[in-house]
């Protein structure tokens, strides 16, 4: 028995499913999860000492690669003074100012510890500001595991949403309406039917949890227009794409200004940190100023803030995003070329340092289209790449990530392995 398998069996005795987040269990692709012992640059090593080129980057945060020396030094400098205080620190002001500077739609920001906490709090704030209950989300967009967000579409536009998880009461799910991503006509119909009831629309402007799927400019423009027309709060969930697709996030790419933005991943530099922020008049409704309650013992944790602040400073280097996008595009173009040579139905897309791989002819624009991909071929490809020392997301429904540590040699090694893996899928 391999050490990874032994650890997995051991873990299942005390941890449900042997993992602390479901996708890590390899249920979608089959096989044994790799237990990671250390990481550096574009690589990590499992419990058996095998090295992998890492294309999940802790699901997005490691934009500089693992164990960046300047981030490590920033963390070491502060941790000797204490791990957590439960009281304000000057560094919290500094990271708040940095976020507000980089994301112009954010005038004030509240730090939290996870993306789920950020989206949950932003939605409560939107409901408190508007005194409305209904929220609108989109099929395939994941905004964390709060009850009102674990909802899928009903059988028709005007039906109640249906819980996608046990433990979510129908009385909560009924306040969430789920529409098709990138469907402007359906969006307009929903607002025409019950626009005065909608507290908020929450959306991933670049979705990363149904694989990478970009919003169309027309879709985001319609979202902004309908929310402004009906007095609903537009929330961009940029937990994943914030600081990943551009320095100012997807809202910089599209030129659309949301009312609230949720951030995570990169702003913690690999430590547990997230945030939500937006217009000053909306944020003024938060306690202790207003009646919308939100609190967190570890919010603004000094070690997480140190890692996040240094990361935000480093990604502002001239040419950083141009180089990151170039390397990511080199990866996806090389994969697409290898698939063409092997005559395997395949497409790929990237924006900034995020990418998507699809075993289908065209890049998808909705969750329904993503579901048409060949998951069996993906699973075979995933394991062939894993055997070759390349770690892609263990699911056909997750985006991938490139860091600034993924240089030409790393990308070339990946593509060489991919050519062999894709050739084995031909026919």
Foldseek 3Di string as FASTA:
>chain_A
DDPQVVQQVVQVVPPPLSDPDPLQNLPLQDDGGFAWDDFFQQWTAGPVGFIFRAWCCVVAQQQATPPDPVLVVLLVVPVVVDFADLDDDPLVVVLQVLLCVQAVQFPGKFKDFAQLQAVVLVLLLLCVVLVAQAEEEEPQAARDDDLCRQWDADPDQPAFTDGNDPPRDSVSSRRYHYYWAQDLVSVVVNCVVPVLRYSEYEYACFGFQQATAHHDLVNLVSRLVSCVVNVHFYEHECQRQACQQHSNGVCVVSVDRGQKYKHHNNLQSPGRMIMMGGDPVSVCCEPPRHDRYDDDRCGPGVSSSSSRSVSSVVCPPPPNQVLLQVLQVLLQVLLVVLLVVLVFQWHKDDGRFKIAIFRHNDDDNTSVVRVPTDSNLVSQLQVLSVVLRYHDRSHNRGITGDHPSCDPVNSVSSSVSSSVSSNVVHD
